[in-house]
N, C-alpha and C. Protein backbone atom coordinates (compact mmCIF):
# COMPACT_ATOMS: atom_id res chain seq x y z
N UNK A 1 79.46 64.33 130.32
CA UNK A 1 80.77 64.57 129.74
C UNK A 1 81.30 65.96 130.07
N UNK A 2 80.69 66.62 131.03
CA UNK A 2 81.11 67.97 131.39
C UNK A 2 82.56 68.03 131.85
N UNK A 3 83.04 66.99 132.50
CA UNK A 3 84.40 66.99 133.04
C UNK A 3 85.37 66.21 132.17
N UNK A 4 85.04 66.04 130.91
CA UNK A 4 85.88 65.30 129.97
C UNK A 4 87.25 65.98 129.84
N UNK A 5 88.30 65.21 129.93
CA UNK A 5 89.66 65.73 129.84
C UNK A 5 90.00 66.37 128.50
N UNK A 6 89.21 66.07 127.48
CA UNK A 6 89.46 66.67 126.16
C UNK A 6 89.05 68.13 126.09
N UNK A 7 88.25 68.58 127.02
CA UNK A 7 87.73 69.95 126.96
C UNK A 7 88.71 70.94 127.60
N UNK A 8 89.94 70.86 127.19
CA UNK A 8 91.00 71.71 127.72
C UNK A 8 90.77 73.19 127.40
N UNK A 9 90.09 73.47 126.30
CA UNK A 9 89.93 74.86 125.85
C UNK A 9 88.52 75.40 126.10
N UNK A 10 87.68 74.61 126.75
CA UNK A 10 86.32 75.02 127.08
C UNK A 10 85.34 73.88 126.84
N UNK A 11 84.27 73.86 127.60
CA UNK A 11 83.26 72.82 127.45
C UNK A 11 82.35 73.14 126.27
N UNK A 12 82.29 72.26 125.27
CA UNK A 12 81.45 72.52 124.10
C UNK A 12 79.96 72.45 124.46
N UNK A 13 79.13 73.15 123.70
CA UNK A 13 77.70 73.09 123.96
C UNK A 13 77.15 71.70 123.65
N UNK A 14 76.07 71.33 124.32
CA UNK A 14 75.48 70.00 124.13
C UNK A 14 74.88 69.80 122.74
N UNK A 15 74.38 70.83 122.12
CA UNK A 15 73.63 70.67 120.87
C UNK A 15 74.45 70.91 119.60
N UNK A 16 75.76 71.11 119.74
CA UNK A 16 76.59 71.32 118.56
C UNK A 16 77.95 70.68 118.81
N UNK A 17 78.30 69.71 117.99
CA UNK A 17 79.52 68.92 118.22
C UNK A 17 80.77 69.48 117.56
N UNK A 18 80.67 70.58 116.83
CA UNK A 18 81.84 71.09 116.10
C UNK A 18 83.05 71.31 117.01
N UNK A 19 82.85 72.02 118.10
CA UNK A 19 83.98 72.33 118.98
C UNK A 19 84.37 71.14 119.86
N UNK A 20 83.48 70.20 120.05
CA UNK A 20 83.86 68.94 120.70
C UNK A 20 84.79 68.16 119.76
N UNK A 21 84.44 68.12 118.49
CA UNK A 21 85.25 67.41 117.50
C UNK A 21 86.64 68.04 117.39
N UNK A 22 86.71 69.36 117.32
CA UNK A 22 88.01 70.04 117.24
C UNK A 22 88.88 69.65 118.44
N UNK A 23 88.31 69.72 119.62
CA UNK A 23 89.09 69.41 120.82
C UNK A 23 89.45 67.92 120.92
N UNK A 24 88.55 67.07 120.46
CA UNK A 24 88.86 65.63 120.44
C UNK A 24 90.08 65.39 119.55
N UNK A 25 90.09 65.97 118.36
CA UNK A 25 91.21 65.77 117.43
C UNK A 25 92.50 66.33 118.04
N UNK A 26 92.44 67.52 118.61
CA UNK A 26 93.64 68.11 119.23
C UNK A 26 94.16 67.20 120.34
N UNK A 27 93.26 66.61 121.11
CA UNK A 27 93.69 65.75 122.22
C UNK A 27 94.42 64.50 121.73
N UNK A 28 94.23 64.14 120.48
CA UNK A 28 94.86 62.94 119.93
C UNK A 28 96.16 63.26 119.17
N UNK A 29 96.45 64.54 118.96
CA UNK A 29 97.66 64.91 118.22
C UNK A 29 98.92 64.66 119.05
N UNK A 30 99.96 64.21 118.39
CA UNK A 30 101.25 64.10 119.05
C UNK A 30 101.81 65.51 119.27
N UNK A 31 102.87 65.65 120.05
CA UNK A 31 103.45 66.98 120.29
C UNK A 31 103.88 67.70 119.00
N UNK A 32 104.13 66.96 117.94
CA UNK A 32 104.50 67.58 116.66
C UNK A 32 103.41 67.39 115.61
N UNK A 33 102.21 67.02 116.05
CA UNK A 33 101.14 66.67 115.14
C UNK A 33 100.41 67.85 114.53
N UNK A 34 99.88 67.60 113.32
CA UNK A 34 99.06 68.56 112.59
C UNK A 34 97.84 67.82 112.08
N UNK A 35 96.69 68.48 112.10
CA UNK A 35 95.45 67.88 111.62
C UNK A 35 94.68 68.91 110.80
N UNK A 36 93.97 68.42 109.81
CA UNK A 36 93.05 69.24 109.03
C UNK A 36 91.65 68.72 109.26
N UNK A 37 90.73 69.61 109.59
CA UNK A 37 89.35 69.23 109.88
C UNK A 37 88.41 69.99 108.95
N UNK A 38 87.50 69.27 108.33
CA UNK A 38 86.46 69.91 107.52
C UNK A 38 85.28 70.16 108.45
N UNK A 39 84.89 71.44 108.53
CA UNK A 39 83.84 71.84 109.46
C UNK A 39 82.87 72.80 108.78
N UNK A 40 81.73 73.00 109.41
CA UNK A 40 80.76 73.97 108.91
C UNK A 40 81.33 75.38 109.02
N UNK A 41 80.95 76.25 108.09
CA UNK A 41 81.42 77.63 108.12
C UNK A 41 81.08 78.35 109.41
N UNK A 42 80.01 77.95 110.05
CA UNK A 42 79.61 78.62 111.29
C UNK A 42 80.70 78.58 112.36
N UNK A 43 81.60 77.61 112.31
CA UNK A 43 82.66 77.50 113.31
C UNK A 43 83.62 78.68 113.26
N UNK A 44 83.69 79.35 112.12
CA UNK A 44 84.66 80.43 111.96
C UNK A 44 84.25 81.72 112.66
N UNK A 45 82.96 81.87 112.94
CA UNK A 45 82.53 83.18 113.45
C UNK A 45 81.40 83.13 114.48
N UNK A 46 81.00 81.97 114.91
CA UNK A 46 79.90 81.90 115.87
C UNK A 46 80.22 82.71 117.13
N UNK A 47 79.20 83.38 117.62
CA UNK A 47 79.35 84.15 118.86
C UNK A 47 78.61 83.52 120.02
N UNK A 48 78.17 82.26 119.84
CA UNK A 48 77.57 81.55 120.96
C UNK A 48 78.66 81.47 122.05
N UNK A 49 78.33 81.78 123.29
CA UNK A 49 79.37 81.93 124.32
C UNK A 49 80.36 80.77 124.44
N UNK A 50 79.90 79.54 124.51
CA UNK A 50 80.81 78.40 124.69
C UNK A 50 81.72 78.23 123.47
N UNK A 51 81.15 78.35 122.28
CA UNK A 51 81.93 78.17 121.06
C UNK A 51 82.93 79.31 120.88
N UNK A 52 82.49 80.53 121.15
CA UNK A 52 83.38 81.68 121.05
C UNK A 52 84.57 81.51 121.99
N UNK A 53 84.31 81.10 123.23
CA UNK A 53 85.38 80.92 124.21
C UNK A 53 86.38 79.86 123.75
N UNK A 54 85.89 78.76 123.23
CA UNK A 54 86.80 77.70 122.75
C UNK A 54 87.63 78.21 121.59
N UNK A 55 86.99 78.87 120.62
CA UNK A 55 87.74 79.40 119.46
C UNK A 55 88.80 80.40 119.93
N UNK A 56 88.42 81.29 120.83
CA UNK A 56 89.38 82.26 121.38
C UNK A 56 90.56 81.55 122.03
N UNK A 57 90.27 80.54 122.84
CA UNK A 57 91.34 79.81 123.54
C UNK A 57 92.24 79.07 122.56
N UNK A 58 91.68 78.47 121.53
CA UNK A 58 92.50 77.77 120.52
C UNK A 58 93.43 78.75 119.82
N UNK A 59 92.90 79.94 119.52
CA UNK A 59 93.72 80.96 118.86
C UNK A 59 94.79 81.48 119.80
N UNK A 60 94.42 81.79 121.03
CA UNK A 60 95.38 82.31 122.01
C UNK A 60 96.47 81.29 122.33
N UNK A 61 96.14 80.00 122.26
CA UNK A 61 97.15 78.95 122.47
C UNK A 61 97.97 78.71 121.20
N UNK A 62 97.64 79.44 120.13
CA UNK A 62 98.36 79.39 118.85
C UNK A 62 98.34 77.99 118.22
N UNK A 63 97.18 77.34 118.32
CA UNK A 63 97.00 76.01 117.74
C UNK A 63 96.46 76.06 116.31
N UNK A 64 95.86 77.17 115.93
CA UNK A 64 95.29 77.30 114.59
C UNK A 64 96.38 77.78 113.64
N UNK A 65 96.65 76.99 112.61
CA UNK A 65 97.63 77.39 111.59
C UNK A 65 96.95 78.14 110.46
N UNK A 66 95.89 77.53 109.93
CA UNK A 66 95.28 78.05 108.72
C UNK A 66 93.80 77.73 108.70
N UNK A 67 93.05 78.63 108.05
CA UNK A 67 91.63 78.40 107.79
C UNK A 67 91.44 78.56 106.28
N UNK A 68 90.77 77.60 105.67
CA UNK A 68 90.52 77.63 104.23
C UNK A 68 89.01 77.62 104.01
N UNK A 69 88.50 78.69 103.42
CA UNK A 69 87.08 78.75 103.07
C UNK A 69 86.89 78.01 101.76
N UNK A 70 85.96 77.06 101.74
CA UNK A 70 85.70 76.24 100.56
C UNK A 70 84.50 76.78 99.78
N UNK A 71 84.44 76.46 98.48
CA UNK A 71 83.26 76.89 97.70
C UNK A 71 82.03 76.07 98.09
N UNK A 72 80.88 76.60 97.77
CA UNK A 72 79.65 75.86 98.04
C UNK A 72 79.51 74.70 97.06
N UNK A 73 78.60 73.80 97.35
CA UNK A 73 78.25 72.66 96.51
C UNK A 73 79.43 71.71 96.25
N UNK A 74 80.35 71.63 97.21
CA UNK A 74 81.54 70.80 97.04
C UNK A 74 81.32 69.35 97.49
N UNK A 75 80.31 69.12 98.31
CA UNK A 75 80.10 67.79 98.88
C UNK A 75 78.77 67.19 98.43
N UNK A 76 78.78 65.91 98.15
CA UNK A 76 77.57 65.20 97.73
C UNK A 76 76.55 65.09 98.84
N UNK A 77 77.02 64.92 100.06
CA UNK A 77 76.13 64.57 101.17
C UNK A 77 75.52 65.76 101.91
N UNK A 78 75.99 66.97 101.64
CA UNK A 78 75.44 68.12 102.35
C UNK A 78 75.60 69.39 101.52
N UNK A 79 74.68 70.30 101.73
CA UNK A 79 74.78 71.62 101.10
C UNK A 79 75.32 72.65 102.08
N UNK A 80 75.66 72.23 103.30
CA UNK A 80 76.19 73.14 104.31
C UNK A 80 77.54 73.68 103.84
N UNK A 81 77.70 75.00 103.79
CA UNK A 81 79.00 75.57 103.41
C UNK A 81 80.07 75.12 104.40
N UNK A 82 81.25 74.82 103.89
CA UNK A 82 82.30 74.24 104.74
C UNK A 82 83.62 74.98 104.62
N UNK A 83 84.47 74.68 105.58
CA UNK A 83 85.82 75.24 105.62
C UNK A 83 86.76 74.17 106.16
N UNK A 84 88.04 74.43 106.06
CA UNK A 84 89.05 73.53 106.61
C UNK A 84 89.83 74.29 107.67
N UNK A 85 89.93 73.70 108.84
CA UNK A 85 90.77 74.23 109.91
C UNK A 85 92.03 73.37 109.93
N UNK A 86 93.20 73.98 109.88
CA UNK A 86 94.45 73.25 110.04
C UNK A 86 94.99 73.63 111.42
N UNK A 87 95.11 72.60 112.25
CA UNK A 87 95.53 72.78 113.64
C UNK A 87 96.88 72.10 113.84
N UNK A 88 97.72 72.68 114.71
CA UNK A 88 99.04 72.08 114.91
C UNK A 88 99.57 72.34 116.32
N UNK A 89 100.21 71.32 116.86
CA UNK A 89 100.97 71.47 118.10
C UNK A 89 102.40 71.93 117.80
N UNK A 90 102.77 71.90 116.55
CA UNK A 90 104.15 72.21 116.15
C UNK A 90 104.15 73.34 115.11
N UNK A 91 103.40 74.37 115.37
CA UNK A 91 103.24 75.48 114.43
C UNK A 91 104.57 76.22 114.29
N UNK A 92 105.01 76.41 113.05
CA UNK A 92 106.28 77.07 112.79
C UNK A 92 106.17 78.59 112.75
N UNK A 93 104.99 79.09 112.42
CA UNK A 93 104.78 80.53 112.28
C UNK A 93 104.01 81.06 113.49
N UNK A 94 104.63 81.05 114.65
CA UNK A 94 103.96 81.47 115.87
C UNK A 94 103.38 82.88 115.78
N UNK A 95 102.15 83.01 116.25
CA UNK A 95 101.51 84.32 116.27
C UNK A 95 100.97 84.78 114.93
N UNK A 96 101.01 83.92 113.92
CA UNK A 96 100.48 84.25 112.60
C UNK A 96 99.50 83.16 112.17
N UNK A 97 98.59 83.57 111.28
CA UNK A 97 97.57 82.66 110.77
C UNK A 97 97.46 82.87 109.27
N UNK A 98 97.34 81.79 108.52
CA UNK A 98 97.16 81.85 107.07
C UNK A 98 95.68 81.67 106.77
N UNK A 99 95.12 82.63 106.05
CA UNK A 99 93.73 82.56 105.62
C UNK A 99 93.71 82.40 104.11
N UNK A 100 93.01 81.36 103.64
CA UNK A 100 92.87 81.11 102.21
C UNK A 100 91.38 81.14 101.88
N UNK A 101 91.04 81.96 100.91
CA UNK A 101 89.66 82.07 100.45
C UNK A 101 89.56 81.34 99.11
N UNK A 102 89.18 80.08 99.17
CA UNK A 102 89.09 79.24 97.97
C UNK A 102 87.66 79.15 97.45
N UNK A 103 86.80 80.06 97.87
CA UNK A 103 85.39 80.01 97.47
C UNK A 103 85.19 80.18 95.97
N UNK A 104 86.14 80.79 95.29
CA UNK A 104 85.99 81.00 93.85
C UNK A 104 86.67 79.93 93.00
N UNK A 105 87.25 78.93 93.65
CA UNK A 105 87.89 77.85 92.91
C UNK A 105 86.87 76.77 92.58
N UNK A 106 87.27 75.85 91.73
CA UNK A 106 86.42 74.72 91.38
C UNK A 106 85.57 75.00 90.16
N UNK A 107 84.95 73.93 89.68
CA UNK A 107 84.07 74.02 88.51
C UNK A 107 82.90 73.07 88.73
N UNK A 108 81.77 73.42 88.18
CA UNK A 108 80.58 72.60 88.34
C UNK A 108 80.68 71.36 87.45
N UNK A 109 80.43 70.19 88.05
CA UNK A 109 80.43 68.95 87.26
C UNK A 109 79.01 68.46 87.03
N UNK A 110 78.07 69.08 87.72
CA UNK A 110 76.64 68.83 87.52
C UNK A 110 75.91 70.07 88.01
N UNK A 111 74.60 70.04 87.96
CA UNK A 111 73.82 71.18 88.45
C UNK A 111 74.03 71.43 89.94
N UNK A 112 74.38 70.37 90.66
CA UNK A 112 74.42 70.47 92.12
C UNK A 112 75.79 70.24 92.74
N UNK A 113 76.77 69.84 91.96
CA UNK A 113 78.07 69.47 92.55
C UNK A 113 79.22 70.21 91.87
N UNK A 114 80.07 70.77 92.72
CA UNK A 114 81.30 71.45 92.29
C UNK A 114 82.47 70.51 92.58
N UNK A 115 83.53 70.64 91.80
CA UNK A 115 84.71 69.82 92.00
C UNK A 115 85.94 70.69 91.86
N UNK A 116 87.00 70.32 92.57
CA UNK A 116 88.29 70.97 92.41
C UNK A 116 89.08 70.26 91.33
N UNK A 117 89.76 71.02 90.50
CA UNK A 117 90.70 70.44 89.55
C UNK A 117 92.02 70.19 90.29
N UNK A 118 92.89 69.44 89.68
CA UNK A 118 94.23 69.24 90.26
C UNK A 118 94.93 70.58 90.44
N UNK A 119 94.71 71.49 89.50
CA UNK A 119 95.32 72.81 89.57
C UNK A 119 94.80 73.60 90.78
N UNK A 120 93.48 73.51 91.05
CA UNK A 120 92.90 74.18 92.22
C UNK A 120 93.53 73.66 93.51
N UNK A 121 93.63 72.35 93.62
CA UNK A 121 94.21 71.74 94.81
C UNK A 121 95.67 72.15 94.94
N UNK A 122 96.41 72.12 93.84
CA UNK A 122 97.82 72.52 93.85
C UNK A 122 98.00 73.96 94.29
N UNK A 123 97.10 74.83 93.87
CA UNK A 123 97.18 76.25 94.25
C UNK A 123 97.04 76.42 95.76
N UNK A 124 96.09 75.73 96.36
CA UNK A 124 95.90 75.80 97.81
C UNK A 124 97.11 75.22 98.54
N UNK A 125 97.54 74.04 98.12
CA UNK A 125 98.66 73.36 98.77
C UNK A 125 99.94 74.18 98.63
N UNK A 126 100.17 74.74 97.45
CA UNK A 126 101.37 75.55 97.21
C UNK A 126 101.43 76.74 98.19
N UNK A 127 100.33 77.45 98.33
CA UNK A 127 100.29 78.62 99.23
C UNK A 127 100.53 78.18 100.67
N UNK A 128 99.87 77.11 101.09
CA UNK A 128 100.04 76.62 102.46
C UNK A 128 101.50 76.24 102.72
N UNK A 129 102.09 75.49 101.81
CA UNK A 129 103.48 75.05 102.01
C UNK A 129 104.47 76.21 101.93
N UNK A 130 104.22 77.17 101.06
CA UNK A 130 105.10 78.34 100.98
C UNK A 130 105.07 79.10 102.31
N UNK A 131 103.88 79.24 102.89
CA UNK A 131 103.76 79.96 104.16
C UNK A 131 104.35 79.17 105.32
N UNK A 132 104.10 77.89 105.36
CA UNK A 132 104.52 77.08 106.51
C UNK A 132 105.98 76.65 106.44
N UNK A 133 106.73 77.19 105.48
CA UNK A 133 108.15 76.86 105.30
C UNK A 133 108.38 75.42 104.90
N UNK A 134 107.35 74.77 104.37
CA UNK A 134 107.52 73.40 103.92
C UNK A 134 107.77 73.35 102.41
N UNK A 135 107.61 74.48 101.77
CA UNK A 135 107.80 74.54 100.32
C UNK A 135 109.07 75.28 99.96
N UNK A 136 109.41 75.24 98.70
CA UNK A 136 110.62 75.90 98.23
C UNK A 136 110.39 77.38 97.94
N UNK A 137 109.16 77.76 97.65
CA UNK A 137 108.86 79.14 97.29
C UNK A 137 108.57 79.99 98.52
N UNK A 138 108.83 81.27 98.40
CA UNK A 138 108.53 82.22 99.48
C UNK A 138 107.06 82.61 99.40
N UNK A 139 106.42 82.69 100.54
CA UNK A 139 105.01 83.05 100.60
C UNK A 139 104.79 84.52 100.25
N UNK A 140 103.68 84.81 99.56
CA UNK A 140 103.22 86.17 99.30
C UNK A 140 101.70 86.19 99.43
N UNK A 141 101.17 87.26 100.07
CA UNK A 141 99.73 87.46 100.08
C UNK A 141 99.26 87.65 98.64
N UNK A 142 98.08 87.13 98.32
CA UNK A 142 97.49 87.29 96.98
C UNK A 142 96.09 87.84 97.17
N UNK A 143 95.86 89.03 96.65
CA UNK A 143 94.54 89.66 96.76
C UNK A 143 93.48 88.71 96.21
N UNK A 144 92.39 88.59 96.94
CA UNK A 144 91.30 87.73 96.54
C UNK A 144 91.51 86.25 96.84
N UNK A 145 92.68 85.89 97.38
CA UNK A 145 92.95 84.46 97.61
C UNK A 145 93.53 84.14 98.98
N UNK A 146 94.59 84.83 99.41
CA UNK A 146 95.22 84.46 100.68
C UNK A 146 95.85 85.66 101.37
N UNK A 147 95.92 85.54 102.70
CA UNK A 147 96.48 86.61 103.51
C UNK A 147 96.95 86.03 104.83
N UNK A 148 98.10 86.51 105.30
CA UNK A 148 98.58 86.16 106.64
C UNK A 148 98.17 87.28 107.57
N UNK A 149 97.64 86.90 108.72
CA UNK A 149 97.24 87.88 109.74
C UNK A 149 97.97 87.56 111.04
N UNK A 150 98.23 88.59 111.80
CA UNK A 150 98.89 88.44 113.09
C UNK A 150 97.86 88.14 114.18
N UNK A 151 98.37 87.70 115.31
CA UNK A 151 97.52 87.46 116.48
C UNK A 151 96.77 88.74 116.84
N UNK A 152 97.46 89.87 116.77
CA UNK A 152 96.83 91.15 117.11
C UNK A 152 95.64 91.45 116.21
N UNK A 153 95.79 91.17 114.92
CA UNK A 153 94.71 91.43 113.97
C UNK A 153 93.52 90.51 114.26
N UNK A 154 93.77 89.25 114.55
CA UNK A 154 92.69 88.31 114.85
C UNK A 154 91.97 88.73 116.13
N UNK A 155 92.72 89.20 117.11
CA UNK A 155 92.08 89.72 118.33
C UNK A 155 91.21 90.92 118.00
N UNK A 156 91.75 91.83 117.19
CA UNK A 156 91.01 93.03 116.77
C UNK A 156 89.71 92.65 116.08
N UNK A 157 89.70 91.55 115.34
CA UNK A 157 88.52 91.09 114.62
C UNK A 157 87.64 90.18 115.49
N UNK A 158 87.84 90.24 116.81
CA UNK A 158 87.03 89.48 117.77
C UNK A 158 87.08 87.97 117.53
N UNK A 159 88.25 87.47 117.12
CA UNK A 159 88.50 86.05 116.92
C UNK A 159 87.65 85.43 115.81
N UNK A 160 87.15 86.26 114.93
CA UNK A 160 86.46 85.77 113.73
C UNK A 160 87.56 85.29 112.78
N UNK A 161 87.52 84.03 112.38
CA UNK A 161 88.56 83.49 111.51
C UNK A 161 88.05 83.20 110.10
N UNK A 162 87.06 83.94 109.67
CA UNK A 162 86.55 83.83 108.31
C UNK A 162 87.56 84.44 107.35
N UNK A 163 88.09 83.67 106.38
CA UNK A 163 89.11 84.22 105.47
C UNK A 163 88.70 85.52 104.78
N UNK A 164 87.43 85.66 104.42
CA UNK A 164 86.98 86.87 103.75
C UNK A 164 87.16 88.13 104.58
N UNK A 165 87.29 88.00 105.89
CA UNK A 165 87.53 89.15 106.77
C UNK A 165 88.95 89.67 106.59
N UNK A 166 89.88 88.79 106.23
CA UNK A 166 91.30 89.14 106.16
C UNK A 166 91.82 89.29 104.73
N UNK A 167 91.37 88.45 103.83
CA UNK A 167 91.87 88.46 102.45
C UNK A 167 91.40 89.73 101.76
N UNK A 168 92.34 90.47 101.23
CA UNK A 168 92.01 91.71 100.54
C UNK A 168 91.33 91.42 99.22
N UNK A 169 90.31 92.19 98.88
CA UNK A 169 89.62 91.95 97.60
C UNK A 169 90.52 92.32 96.42
N UNK A 170 90.24 91.73 95.28
CA UNK A 170 90.99 92.06 94.07
C UNK A 170 90.53 93.45 93.64
N UNK A 171 91.50 94.31 93.36
CA UNK A 171 91.17 95.67 92.94
C UNK A 171 90.85 95.69 91.46
N UNK A 172 89.82 96.46 91.11
CA UNK A 172 89.45 96.61 89.69
C UNK A 172 90.56 97.35 88.96
N UNK A 173 90.85 96.91 87.76
CA UNK A 173 91.82 97.60 86.92
C UNK A 173 91.16 98.82 86.32
N UNK A 174 91.84 99.94 86.40
CA UNK A 174 91.25 101.17 85.88
C UNK A 174 91.75 101.48 84.49
């Protein structure tokens, strides 16, 4: 599969399908399509050469809209920490990326499983829609939760798209 037409942004490594999956989904998007992919956290910052190159190319092509870091223990089937990549061929905010750090949202419903409340989901969706011009409210960065970064900033951070790298911490009240 080395010459697969889906590998427009780089050939994914044989032993890790994350970047193959990302490129497969992008290859199926319409010219105005948007997709959200749940992936392992490692996809946000891996420096393995093939994966790094693909992530860099996706960012440079301005296909990444938003990255959402999820809290741990959110899935029944795996304990692997996860994130959401929102990819788009019709990105409205060219050269900008929305980072949402949702790791502190949710509540434990058992010893091993966390769940989002409707309010948690609404908070994430509200911020995304405010930023992407799909909502009625104007977007604002929120310390400890969300931040918009420019292409230049992402380049400066070596294409690491971990929200915690960009989202400013909440300042202690003095």
